[in-house]
Protein backbone atom coordinates (compact mmCIF):
# COMPACT_ATOMS: atom_id res chain seq x y z
CA MET A 1 89.90 85.14 106.13
CA VAL A 2 92.53 83.98 103.71
CA THR A 3 96.07 83.64 104.12
CA LEU A 4 98.63 83.92 101.16
CA VAL A 5 102.34 83.14 101.66
CA LYS A 6 105.13 84.36 99.39
CA THR A 7 109.00 84.30 99.65
CA LEU A 8 110.35 87.63 98.71
CA ASP A 9 113.80 88.51 97.40
CA VAL A 10 114.96 91.18 100.01
CA THR A 11 118.53 91.29 98.75
CA HIS A 12 118.32 94.80 97.52
CA LEU A 13 116.60 95.88 100.63
CA LEU A 14 119.16 94.51 102.89
CA ARG A 15 121.85 96.40 100.91
CA VAL A 16 119.91 99.71 100.97
CA SER A 17 119.41 99.09 104.85
CA ARG A 18 123.37 98.75 105.19
CA ARG A 19 124.05 101.53 102.94
CA THR A 20 121.60 104.32 104.41
CA GLY A 21 121.62 103.00 108.03
CA ILE A 22 117.77 102.76 107.96
CA LYS A 23 116.61 99.56 109.80
CA PHE A 24 115.59 96.78 107.55
CA THR A 25 112.18 96.53 109.30
CA ILE A 26 111.49 100.28 108.61
CA LEU A 27 112.13 99.92 104.89
CA LEU A 28 110.04 96.88 104.68
CA CYS A 29 107.13 98.57 106.25
CA TRP A 30 107.48 101.58 104.02
CA CYS A 31 107.46 99.41 100.98
CA ILE A 32 104.52 97.73 102.48
CA GLY A 33 102.57 100.99 102.50
CA LYS A 34 103.86 102.14 99.06
CA ALA A 35 102.63 98.80 97.56
CA ALA A 36 99.29 98.94 99.35
CA GLY A 37 98.74 102.30 97.87
CA LYS A 38 98.74 100.79 94.42
CA VAL A 39 95.95 98.13 95.19
CA ASP A 40 92.37 100.18 95.85
CA GLU A 41 91.18 97.22 97.83
CA PHE A 42 93.88 97.88 100.87
CA SER A 43 91.93 101.20 101.53
CA LEU A 44 88.80 99.30 102.31
CA LEU A 45 87.68 98.14 105.80
CA LEU A 46 84.66 96.25 106.81
CA GLU A 47 83.34 97.05 110.36
CA ASN A 48 79.87 96.44 111.89
CA ASP A 49 78.43 95.41 108.44
CA LYS A 50 79.56 98.74 106.88
CA LEU A 51 82.21 99.32 104.36
CA TYR A 52 84.66 102.19 105.09
CA ARG A 53 87.21 103.73 102.35
CA PHE A 54 90.43 105.58 103.73
CA ASP A 55 92.53 107.83 101.75
CA ARG A 56 95.66 107.28 104.15
CA PHE A 57 97.36 104.35 105.52
CA ALA A 58 99.35 103.86 108.84
CA ILE A 59 101.56 100.76 109.52
CA ASN A 60 100.74 99.16 112.83
CA VAL A 61 103.80 97.59 114.51
CA ILE A 62 104.42 95.68 117.68
CA VAL A 63 107.21 96.73 119.88
CA ASP A 64 108.81 95.45 122.95
CA ASN A 65 108.48 97.72 126.07
CA CYS A 66 110.90 98.54 128.73
CA LYS A 67 108.76 96.43 131.21
CA GLY A 68 109.25 93.25 129.21
CA GLY A 69 105.71 93.37 127.60
CA ILE A 70 104.70 94.35 124.14
CA ASN A 71 102.72 97.63 122.97
CA SER A 72 101.16 98.20 119.57
CA CYS A 73 101.70 101.39 117.74
CA ASP A 74 100.64 102.95 114.24
CA VAL A 75 103.13 104.84 112.10
CA PRO A 76 101.63 107.19 109.55
CA TYR A 77 102.64 106.27 106.00
CA SER A 78 104.36 108.78 104.08
CA ASP A 79 105.84 108.73 100.40
CA ASP A 80 108.68 110.50 101.76
CA LEU A 81 111.05 107.68 103.14
CA GLN A 82 112.94 109.99 105.60
CA GLN A 83 109.82 111.31 107.13
CA PHE A 84 108.56 107.81 107.43
CA ASN A 85 111.77 106.70 109.15
CA LYS A 86 111.65 109.81 111.58
CA ASP A 87 108.19 109.08 112.60
CA TYR A 88 108.74 105.19 112.93
CA LEU A 89 111.78 105.80 115.17
CA ARG A 90 109.97 108.48 117.27
CA ILE A 91 106.61 106.35 117.58
CA THR A 92 107.99 103.19 118.46
CA SER A 93 110.41 104.58 120.99
CA GLN A 94 107.63 106.47 122.67
CA ALA A 95 105.41 103.51 122.99
CA ALA A 96 108.35 101.46 124.25
CA LYS A 97 109.60 103.83 126.61
CA ASN A 98 106.12 104.84 127.97
CA CYS A 99 104.48 101.21 127.78
CA GLU A 100 101.57 102.70 125.86
CA ASN A 101 99.68 101.92 122.86
CA LEU A 102 99.75 104.55 120.03
CA TYR A 103 96.98 104.63 117.37
CA VAL A 104 96.13 106.90 114.52
CA GLU A 105 92.75 107.81 113.80
CA GLY A 106 91.27 108.27 110.27
CA SER A 107 93.74 106.01 108.55
CA MET A 108 93.45 102.38 107.15
CA ILE A 109 95.74 100.43 109.48
CA LEU A 110 97.95 97.61 107.81
CA GLY A 111 98.87 95.35 110.66
CA THR A 112 102.30 93.90 110.64
CA SER A 113 104.19 91.52 112.87
CA ALA A 114 108.01 90.86 112.86
CA MET A 115 109.37 87.88 114.50
CA ILE A 116 112.97 88.25 113.51
CA GLN A 117 114.41 86.08 116.32
CA THR A 118 113.57 82.86 114.34
CA GLU A 119 113.14 81.70 110.67
CA LEU A 120 109.39 81.15 110.03
CA ASP A 121 107.92 79.46 106.80
CA CYS A 122 104.32 80.73 107.60
CA ILE A 123 102.11 82.64 110.03
CA VAL A 124 98.44 82.33 110.01
CA ASN A 125 96.49 84.43 112.02
CA GLN A 126 92.98 83.29 113.24
CA TYR A 127 89.94 85.34 112.32
CA SER A 128 88.79 87.23 115.51
CA GLY A 129 85.73 89.09 113.96
CA ILE A 130 87.18 92.26 115.47
CA PHE A 131 90.31 92.89 113.28
CA ASN A 132 89.37 92.91 109.49
CA ASN A 133 92.28 94.96 108.08
CA PRO A 134 95.20 93.33 106.02
CA PHE A 135 97.87 91.83 108.26
CA ILE A 136 101.54 91.09 106.98
CA ALA A 137 103.84 88.87 109.16
CA TRP A 138 107.47 87.63 108.71
CA GLY A 139 110.29 85.98 110.66
CA LYS A 140 114.03 86.34 110.19
CA TYR A 141 115.32 86.62 106.55
CA ARG A 142 117.32 83.83 105.07
CA LYS A 143 120.75 84.47 103.63
CA SER A 144 122.59 82.58 101.08
CA PHE A 145 125.75 83.24 99.08
CA PHE A 146 124.02 85.57 96.50
CA LYS A 147 120.40 86.13 97.57
CA THR A 148 118.48 86.96 100.77
CA THR A 149 114.93 85.93 100.91
CA LEU A 150 112.10 86.51 103.45
CA PRO A 151 108.82 84.26 103.48
CA VAL A 152 105.87 86.66 104.38
CA SER A 153 102.21 85.91 105.19
CA LEU A 154 99.50 88.03 104.13
CA HIS A 155 96.13 87.57 105.95
CA PHE A 156 93.12 89.43 104.42
CA HIS A 157 89.30 89.45 104.58
CA HIS A 158 88.11 87.70 101.67
CA VAL A 159 84.94 90.12 101.42
CA LEU A 160 87.44 93.05 100.91
CA MET A 161 89.49 91.59 98.22
CA ASP A 162 90.01 88.52 96.15
CA GLY A 163 93.07 86.45 95.76
CA GLY A 164 93.89 88.40 92.58
CA GLN A 165 94.10 91.81 94.39
CA ALA A 166 96.16 90.17 97.45
CA THR A 167 98.61 88.50 94.78
CA ARG A 168 98.82 91.90 92.89
CA PHE A 169 99.75 93.45 96.34
CA LEU A 170 102.50 90.86 97.05
CA GLU A 171 104.00 91.44 93.42
CA GLU A 172 103.76 95.23 94.09
CA LEU A 173 105.53 94.66 97.22
CA GLN A 174 108.37 92.64 95.64
CA GLN A 175 108.64 95.29 92.88
CA GLU A 176 109.09 98.20 95.58
CA ILE A 177 111.68 96.24 97.28
CA LYS A 178 113.63 95.82 94.09
CA THR A 179 113.29 99.42 93.24
CA LEU A 180 113.89 101.20 96.40
C-alpha cells in the first residue's frame, strides 16, 4: 500500500458550498467521484488474487449514529450533482438514524474519511489485506486571508496503480474543485 499527501486549494469549493447550500463534504465527495472516473485504475479492485473492473462508483462515508457510534454507508456516484446530494443526504441520515451500515453492490467503492474536528497534516491507513480500494481522508480545512486549503491523504494498492496514476487523480481532483 502507498499513501500520497497533497494540499488542495478548496477556496472555490467553499464558495460554491456557501452559495448553493450544499455541504462542503458532499461537494468534495462528488468531486472525488468525478475525478476518479477520469483515471481508469480507480475502477480496478484486487480481491482474492483476482482483478475486477467496475463501471460504477460509490463513495463510502462514515457517519455518526444516534447512539454515539459510527456507521459506514455507500453513496452511489452520479454525474448529476443534485441527484448525488439527494442520495447522500438520504443515505447518510438513514444510516445515522437506524444505526446500520448501508452498502452498494456492484460498484467500485472509494473509501473516504472526514475528521473535520481538527486540522490534520496526514492520515496513513494501515494495510489490512481486506480493503484494497482507494481511500481518501482529510481533516478540517485551513483558512487564510485569500485562500482555503485542505491536506488530503490518498491511500492505494500499488498493484492496482502506480504513483503516476495516483498523482493524476489528485491533479484531476484539484481541477474538479476549481471548475465546479
